[in-house]
N, C-alpha and C. Protein backbone atom coordinates (compact mmCIF):
# COMPACT_ATOMS: atom_id res chain seq x y z
N MET A 1 22.86 32.60 42.49
CA MET A 1 23.77 31.53 42.15
C MET A 1 23.19 30.66 41.03
N LYS A 2 21.88 30.41 41.04
CA LYS A 2 21.24 29.59 40.01
C LYS A 2 21.43 30.25 38.64
N ASP A 3 21.21 31.58 38.54
CA ASP A 3 21.35 32.28 37.29
C ASP A 3 22.78 32.20 36.76
N TYR A 4 23.74 32.27 37.64
CA TYR A 4 25.15 32.15 37.25
C TYR A 4 25.41 30.78 36.63
N LEU A 5 24.94 29.72 37.30
CA LEU A 5 25.16 28.37 36.80
C LEU A 5 24.44 28.12 35.47
N ILE A 6 23.26 28.66 35.33
CA ILE A 6 22.51 28.56 34.06
C ILE A 6 23.29 29.20 32.95
N GLN A 7 23.80 30.40 33.18
CA GLN A 7 24.59 31.09 32.13
C GLN A 7 25.90 30.39 31.85
N PHE A 8 26.45 29.78 32.84
CA PHE A 8 27.76 29.11 32.67
C PHE A 8 27.65 27.82 31.86
N PHE A 9 26.57 27.09 32.09
CA PHE A 9 26.47 25.76 31.50
C PHE A 9 25.49 25.62 30.34
N THR A 10 24.64 26.61 30.06
CA THR A 10 23.65 26.46 29.00
C THR A 10 23.75 27.62 28.03
N TRP A 11 23.34 27.35 26.79
CA TRP A 11 23.30 28.39 25.77
C TRP A 11 21.88 28.75 25.39
N TRP A 12 20.90 27.96 25.80
CA TRP A 12 19.52 28.18 25.38
C TRP A 12 18.72 29.09 26.29
N ASN A 13 19.31 29.58 27.34
CA ASN A 13 18.64 30.48 28.26
C ASN A 13 19.27 31.88 28.20
N GLY A 14 19.00 32.60 27.14
CA GLY A 14 19.52 33.96 27.00
C GLY A 14 20.93 33.98 26.45
N GLN A 15 21.92 34.06 27.28
CA GLN A 15 23.30 34.12 26.82
C GLN A 15 24.24 33.43 27.81
N THR A 16 25.36 32.97 27.28
CA THR A 16 26.36 32.34 28.16
C THR A 16 27.25 33.44 28.74
N LEU A 17 28.09 33.09 29.67
CA LEU A 17 29.02 34.05 30.24
C LEU A 17 29.99 34.58 29.20
N GLY A 18 30.41 33.69 28.27
CA GLY A 18 31.29 34.14 27.19
C GLY A 18 30.63 35.20 26.33
N THR A 19 29.38 34.96 25.97
CA THR A 19 28.67 35.94 25.16
C THR A 19 28.45 37.23 25.96
N ARG A 20 28.14 37.09 27.22
CA ARG A 20 27.95 38.31 28.04
C ARG A 20 29.26 39.12 28.11
N PHE A 21 30.37 38.47 28.27
CA PHE A 21 31.66 39.14 28.37
C PHE A 21 31.99 39.82 27.03
N TYR A 22 31.81 39.07 25.92
CA TYR A 22 32.09 39.61 24.59
C TYR A 22 31.18 40.81 24.28
N THR A 23 29.90 40.71 24.66
CA THR A 23 28.98 41.82 24.45
C THR A 23 29.40 43.01 25.27
N TRP A 24 29.78 42.81 26.52
CA TRP A 24 30.20 43.92 27.39
C TRP A 24 31.47 44.58 26.86
N ARG A 25 32.39 43.73 26.37
CA ARG A 25 33.71 44.25 25.97
C ARG A 25 33.68 44.89 24.59
N LYS A 26 33.01 44.27 23.60
CA LYS A 26 33.13 44.76 22.22
C LYS A 26 31.78 45.06 21.56
N GLY A 27 30.71 44.74 22.20
CA GLY A 27 29.41 44.94 21.57
C GLY A 27 28.92 46.38 21.55
N GLN A 28 28.39 46.79 20.42
CA GLN A 28 27.76 48.09 20.28
C GLN A 28 26.26 47.81 20.15
N PHE A 29 25.49 48.32 21.13
CA PHE A 29 24.03 48.13 21.14
C PHE A 29 23.42 48.80 19.91
N VAL A 30 22.60 48.04 19.19
CA VAL A 30 21.98 48.59 17.96
C VAL A 30 20.52 48.86 18.17
N GLY A 31 19.82 47.98 18.85
CA GLY A 31 18.41 48.18 19.05
C GLY A 31 17.77 47.01 19.75
N GLU A 32 16.43 47.16 19.96
CA GLU A 32 15.66 46.13 20.65
C GLU A 32 14.36 45.94 19.88
N ASP A 33 13.86 44.70 19.79
CA ASP A 33 12.62 44.48 19.10
C ASP A 33 11.43 44.41 20.08
N GLU A 34 10.24 44.11 19.57
CA GLU A 34 9.08 44.12 20.40
C GLU A 34 9.03 42.95 21.39
N PHE A 35 9.89 41.94 21.19
CA PHE A 35 9.94 40.81 22.12
C PHE A 35 10.98 41.02 23.23
N GLY A 36 11.70 42.12 23.18
CA GLY A 36 12.73 42.37 24.19
C GLY A 36 14.10 41.82 23.83
N ASN A 37 14.24 41.23 22.62
CA ASN A 37 15.54 40.75 22.18
C ASN A 37 16.43 41.97 21.88
N LYS A 38 17.72 41.91 22.23
CA LYS A 38 18.63 43.00 22.03
C LYS A 38 19.67 42.63 20.97
N TYR A 39 19.95 43.59 20.08
CA TYR A 39 20.83 43.33 18.94
C TYR A 39 22.12 44.16 19.07
N TYR A 40 23.20 43.51 18.75
CA TYR A 40 24.54 44.12 18.88
C TYR A 40 25.34 43.91 17.62
N ARG A 41 26.41 44.73 17.52
CA ARG A 41 27.35 44.58 16.44
C ARG A 41 28.74 44.92 16.92
N HIS A 42 29.73 44.43 16.20
CA HIS A 42 31.14 44.75 16.46
C HIS A 42 31.86 44.82 15.14
N VAL A 43 32.40 45.96 14.80
CA VAL A 43 33.14 46.10 13.57
C VAL A 43 34.62 45.88 13.86
N GLN A 44 35.18 44.92 13.15
CA GLN A 44 36.62 44.59 13.34
C GLN A 44 37.43 45.19 12.22
N ALA A 45 38.73 45.24 12.40
CA ALA A 45 39.63 45.80 11.39
C ALA A 45 39.71 44.85 10.19
N GLU A 46 39.69 43.54 10.45
CA GLU A 46 39.82 42.57 9.37
C GLU A 46 38.49 41.87 9.19
N ALA A 47 38.25 41.40 7.95
CA ALA A 47 37.01 40.71 7.66
C ALA A 47 37.00 39.34 8.31
N ILE A 48 35.88 38.98 8.88
CA ILE A 48 35.69 37.65 9.48
C ILE A 48 35.60 36.64 8.34
N ASP A 49 34.83 36.95 7.37
CA ASP A 49 34.55 36.09 6.21
C ASP A 49 34.34 37.00 5.05
N SER A 50 34.82 36.60 3.88
CA SER A 50 34.66 37.50 2.71
C SER A 50 33.18 37.68 2.35
N ASN A 51 32.33 36.75 2.72
CA ASN A 51 30.88 36.88 2.45
C ASN A 51 30.22 37.82 3.45
N VAL A 52 30.69 37.87 4.63
CA VAL A 52 30.05 38.65 5.71
C VAL A 52 30.70 40.03 5.89
N GLY A 53 31.99 40.13 5.72
CA GLY A 53 32.68 41.38 5.89
C GLY A 53 33.27 41.49 7.29
N ALA A 54 33.53 42.71 7.72
CA ALA A 54 34.20 42.93 8.97
C ALA A 54 33.28 43.13 10.15
N GLU A 55 32.00 43.10 9.91
CA GLU A 55 31.06 43.38 11.00
C GLU A 55 30.42 42.07 11.50
N ARG A 56 30.49 41.87 12.80
CA ARG A 56 29.87 40.72 13.44
C ARG A 56 28.58 41.19 14.09
N ARG A 57 27.49 40.50 13.87
CA ARG A 57 26.19 40.86 14.43
C ARG A 57 25.61 39.69 15.21
N TRP A 58 24.94 39.99 16.35
CA TRP A 58 24.34 38.93 17.16
C TRP A 58 23.17 39.46 17.91
N VAL A 59 22.41 38.53 18.46
CA VAL A 59 21.20 38.83 19.21
C VAL A 59 21.34 38.19 20.58
N VAL A 60 20.87 38.89 21.62
CA VAL A 60 20.73 38.31 22.94
C VAL A 60 19.28 38.21 23.21
N TYR A 61 18.77 36.98 23.27
CA TYR A 61 17.36 36.71 23.38
C TYR A 61 16.83 37.07 24.77
N ASN A 62 15.63 37.54 24.80
CA ASN A 62 14.93 37.77 26.07
C ASN A 62 14.12 36.52 26.36
N GLY A 63 14.66 35.66 27.17
CA GLY A 63 13.99 34.39 27.46
C GLY A 63 14.63 33.28 26.68
N ASP A 64 13.78 32.31 26.31
CA ASP A 64 14.29 31.15 25.55
C ASP A 64 14.91 31.54 24.22
N THR A 65 15.93 30.80 23.83
CA THR A 65 16.60 31.01 22.53
C THR A 65 15.75 30.36 21.50
N ASP A 66 15.07 31.16 20.72
CA ASP A 66 14.18 30.67 19.65
C ASP A 66 14.35 31.61 18.47
N ALA A 67 15.02 31.16 17.44
CA ALA A 67 15.28 32.01 16.26
C ALA A 67 14.04 32.46 15.57
N SER A 68 12.91 31.77 15.74
CA SER A 68 11.69 32.20 15.12
C SER A 68 11.14 33.48 15.78
N ARG A 69 11.70 33.88 16.92
CA ARG A 69 11.27 35.10 17.62
C ARG A 69 11.97 36.35 17.08
N VAL A 70 12.82 36.20 16.08
CA VAL A 70 13.48 37.36 15.49
C VAL A 70 12.56 37.88 14.34
N PRO A 71 12.09 39.11 14.44
CA PRO A 71 11.20 39.66 13.39
C PRO A 71 11.92 39.75 12.06
N PRO A 72 11.18 39.78 10.92
CA PRO A 72 11.78 39.80 9.60
C PRO A 72 12.79 40.91 9.35
N GLY A 73 12.48 42.11 9.83
CA GLY A 73 13.42 43.24 9.61
C GLY A 73 14.74 43.00 10.30
N TRP A 74 14.70 42.51 11.52
CA TRP A 74 15.94 42.21 12.26
C TRP A 74 16.63 40.95 11.64
N ARG A 75 15.85 40.02 11.17
CA ARG A 75 16.46 38.83 10.56
C ARG A 75 17.25 39.23 9.32
N ALA A 76 16.70 40.15 8.51
CA ALA A 76 17.44 40.59 7.33
C ALA A 76 18.74 41.30 7.73
N TRP A 77 18.68 42.11 8.77
CA TRP A 77 19.90 42.80 9.21
C TRP A 77 20.91 41.81 9.77
N MET A 78 20.46 40.84 10.56
CA MET A 78 21.37 39.85 11.14
C MET A 78 22.07 39.03 10.05
N CYS A 79 21.41 38.74 8.94
CA CYS A 79 21.96 37.93 7.86
C CYS A 79 22.73 38.78 6.84
N HIS A 80 22.96 40.06 7.15
CA HIS A 80 23.71 40.97 6.30
C HIS A 80 22.98 41.19 4.97
N ASN A 81 21.65 41.13 4.96
CA ASN A 81 20.89 41.46 3.78
C ASN A 81 20.58 42.96 3.69
N GLY A 82 20.94 43.66 4.74
CA GLY A 82 20.79 45.11 4.80
C GLY A 82 21.83 45.69 5.70
N ASP A 83 22.24 46.93 5.42
CA ASP A 83 23.26 47.57 6.25
C ASP A 83 22.67 48.39 7.36
N VAL A 84 21.40 48.80 7.21
CA VAL A 84 20.78 49.69 8.21
C VAL A 84 19.83 48.84 9.07
N PRO A 85 20.06 48.82 10.38
CA PRO A 85 19.15 48.05 11.24
C PRO A 85 17.78 48.72 11.34
N PRO A 86 16.74 47.93 11.62
CA PRO A 86 15.38 48.50 11.69
C PRO A 86 15.23 49.61 12.71
N SER A 87 16.11 49.67 13.73
CA SER A 87 16.02 50.73 14.74
C SER A 87 16.47 52.07 14.18
N GLU A 88 17.22 52.07 13.09
CA GLU A 88 17.70 53.31 12.50
C GLU A 88 16.95 53.72 11.26
N GLU A 89 15.88 53.03 10.93
CA GLU A 89 15.05 53.40 9.80
C GLU A 89 13.60 53.21 10.18
N THR A 90 12.71 53.65 9.35
CA THR A 90 11.29 53.53 9.63
C THR A 90 10.78 52.25 9.00
N TYR A 91 11.15 51.14 9.63
CA TYR A 91 10.74 49.84 9.13
C TYR A 91 9.31 49.57 9.54
N LYS A 92 8.49 49.15 8.55
CA LYS A 92 7.12 48.75 8.79
C LYS A 92 6.95 47.37 8.22
N ALA A 93 6.31 46.52 8.98
CA ALA A 93 6.05 45.16 8.48
C ALA A 93 5.13 45.22 7.27
N HIS A 94 5.40 44.31 6.33
CA HIS A 94 4.54 44.21 5.15
C HIS A 94 3.22 43.58 5.54
N PRO A 95 2.15 43.88 4.79
CA PRO A 95 0.87 43.28 5.17
C PRO A 95 0.82 41.73 5.12
N TRP A 96 1.68 41.17 4.29
CA TRP A 96 1.70 39.70 4.17
C TRP A 96 2.51 39.01 5.28
N GLU A 97 3.21 39.77 6.08
CA GLU A 97 3.98 39.18 7.18
C GLU A 97 3.05 38.81 8.32
N LYS A 98 3.16 37.57 8.74
CA LYS A 98 2.30 37.10 9.81
C LYS A 98 2.87 37.41 11.19
N PRO A 99 2.04 37.55 12.19
CA PRO A 99 2.57 37.80 13.53
C PRO A 99 3.30 36.52 14.07
N TYR A 100 4.08 36.73 15.07
CA TYR A 100 4.88 35.65 15.66
C TYR A 100 3.97 34.55 16.25
N VAL A 101 4.28 33.32 15.93
CA VAL A 101 3.63 32.16 16.53
C VAL A 101 4.78 31.28 17.02
N PRO A 102 4.78 30.92 18.32
CA PRO A 102 5.90 30.12 18.84
C PRO A 102 5.97 28.77 18.18
N ASN A 103 7.16 28.22 18.12
CA ASN A 103 7.40 26.87 17.61
C ASN A 103 6.90 25.86 18.63
N MET A 104 5.90 25.10 18.27
CA MET A 104 5.25 24.16 19.20
C MET A 104 5.77 22.73 19.05
N THR A 105 6.82 22.52 18.28
CA THR A 105 7.36 21.17 18.12
C THR A 105 7.77 20.60 19.49
N GLY A 106 7.36 19.37 19.75
CA GLY A 106 7.71 18.71 20.99
C GLY A 106 6.75 19.02 22.13
N THR A 107 5.70 19.79 21.87
CA THR A 107 4.71 20.09 22.88
C THR A 107 3.36 19.44 22.54
N PRO A 108 2.43 19.39 23.44
CA PRO A 108 1.12 18.84 23.11
C PRO A 108 0.37 19.67 22.07
N GLN A 109 0.76 20.93 21.87
CA GLN A 109 0.10 21.77 20.86
C GLN A 109 0.74 21.67 19.48
N ALA A 110 1.67 20.75 19.28
CA ALA A 110 2.35 20.60 18.00
C ALA A 110 1.35 20.15 16.93
N TYR A 111 1.67 20.47 15.69
CA TYR A 111 0.83 20.05 14.56
C TYR A 111 0.87 18.52 14.43
N ARG A 112 -0.30 17.94 14.32
CA ARG A 112 -0.42 16.48 14.13
C ARG A 112 -1.20 16.26 12.83
N PRO A 113 -0.56 15.87 11.74
CA PRO A 113 -1.29 15.67 10.50
C PRO A 113 -2.25 14.50 10.59
N GLN A 114 -3.23 14.53 9.69
CA GLN A 114 -4.21 13.45 9.67
C GLN A 114 -3.49 12.11 9.38
N GLY A 115 -3.81 11.12 10.14
CA GLY A 115 -3.16 9.83 9.97
C GLY A 115 -2.02 9.59 10.94
N SER A 116 -1.56 10.62 11.63
CA SER A 116 -0.49 10.45 12.61
C SER A 116 -1.04 9.66 13.80
N HIS A 117 -0.21 8.79 14.36
CA HIS A 117 -0.68 8.03 15.52
C HIS A 117 -0.80 8.90 16.76
N LEU A 118 -0.30 10.11 16.72
CA LEU A 118 -0.42 11.05 17.80
C LEU A 118 -1.62 11.95 17.71
N SER A 119 -2.25 12.00 16.53
CA SER A 119 -3.41 12.87 16.39
C SER A 119 -4.66 12.21 16.96
N THR A 120 -5.65 13.03 17.19
CA THR A 120 -6.93 12.49 17.69
C THR A 120 -7.78 12.08 16.53
N GLY A 121 -8.76 11.27 16.81
CA GLY A 121 -9.67 10.82 15.76
C GLY A 121 -9.30 9.44 15.24
N GLN A 122 -9.95 9.02 14.21
CA GLN A 122 -9.80 7.70 13.61
C GLN A 122 -8.77 7.80 12.46
N ARG A 123 -7.86 6.88 12.45
CA ARG A 123 -6.89 6.80 11.35
C ARG A 123 -7.59 6.25 10.15
N PRO A 124 -7.37 6.87 8.95
CA PRO A 124 -8.03 6.35 7.75
C PRO A 124 -7.57 4.97 7.38
N ALA A 125 -8.42 4.19 6.79
CA ALA A 125 -8.09 2.83 6.41
C ALA A 125 -7.07 2.86 5.28
N ALA A 126 -6.26 1.77 5.20
CA ALA A 126 -5.28 1.63 4.13
C ALA A 126 -6.00 1.47 2.81
N THR A 127 -5.43 2.07 1.75
CA THR A 127 -6.10 1.98 0.43
C THR A 127 -5.76 0.76 -0.36
N GLY A 128 -4.71 0.06 0.00
CA GLY A 128 -4.34 -1.16 -0.73
C GLY A 128 -3.44 -0.90 -1.92
N ASP A 129 -3.02 0.29 -2.11
CA ASP A 129 -2.17 0.61 -3.26
C ASP A 129 -0.68 0.41 -2.99
N TYR A 130 -0.35 0.02 -1.80
CA TYR A 130 1.06 -0.21 -1.42
C TYR A 130 1.50 -1.59 -1.81
N VAL A 131 2.61 -1.68 -2.53
CA VAL A 131 3.19 -2.97 -2.93
C VAL A 131 4.60 -3.01 -2.36
N PRO A 132 4.89 -3.89 -1.44
CA PRO A 132 6.23 -3.91 -0.82
C PRO A 132 7.25 -4.42 -1.83
N TRP A 133 8.49 -3.97 -1.68
CA TRP A 133 9.58 -4.38 -2.51
C TRP A 133 10.11 -5.72 -1.99
N THR A 134 10.40 -6.63 -2.84
CA THR A 134 11.04 -7.88 -2.48
C THR A 134 12.30 -8.07 -3.32
N PRO A 135 13.36 -8.58 -2.78
CA PRO A 135 14.59 -8.75 -3.54
C PRO A 135 14.39 -9.72 -4.69
N GLY A 136 15.05 -9.43 -5.81
CA GLY A 136 15.01 -10.33 -6.98
C GLY A 136 13.88 -10.02 -7.93
N GLU A 137 13.06 -9.05 -7.67
CA GLU A 137 12.00 -8.71 -8.63
C GLU A 137 12.39 -7.64 -9.58
């Protein structure tokens, strides 16, 4: 019952009931990535948008909905930058592509730049080069 309610009321936990129904009814499974995300497409008779064409593409996330978990090859396919999905070709990651690192924004592991009141350590002293604006000057 809990899973049903989560799917009914939230979009950030995998997929909603509407997406599940649309995927079941019209989705053609294309492939799966190393994170367990599943990719689908549906080719319609008429174009959705002149920039996109008649094919609709989507992903059903395995776990939390985090777009940074879509690998570069699948991201290119999802954005219609390529017609062949990585599952149908011998896609290899380029050496300059970094492995997945989760988005830590809003967590204690988030990046805290030097001088942030949330970072550890001593905040650097003010340099005195700041001049406030006053009206009429």
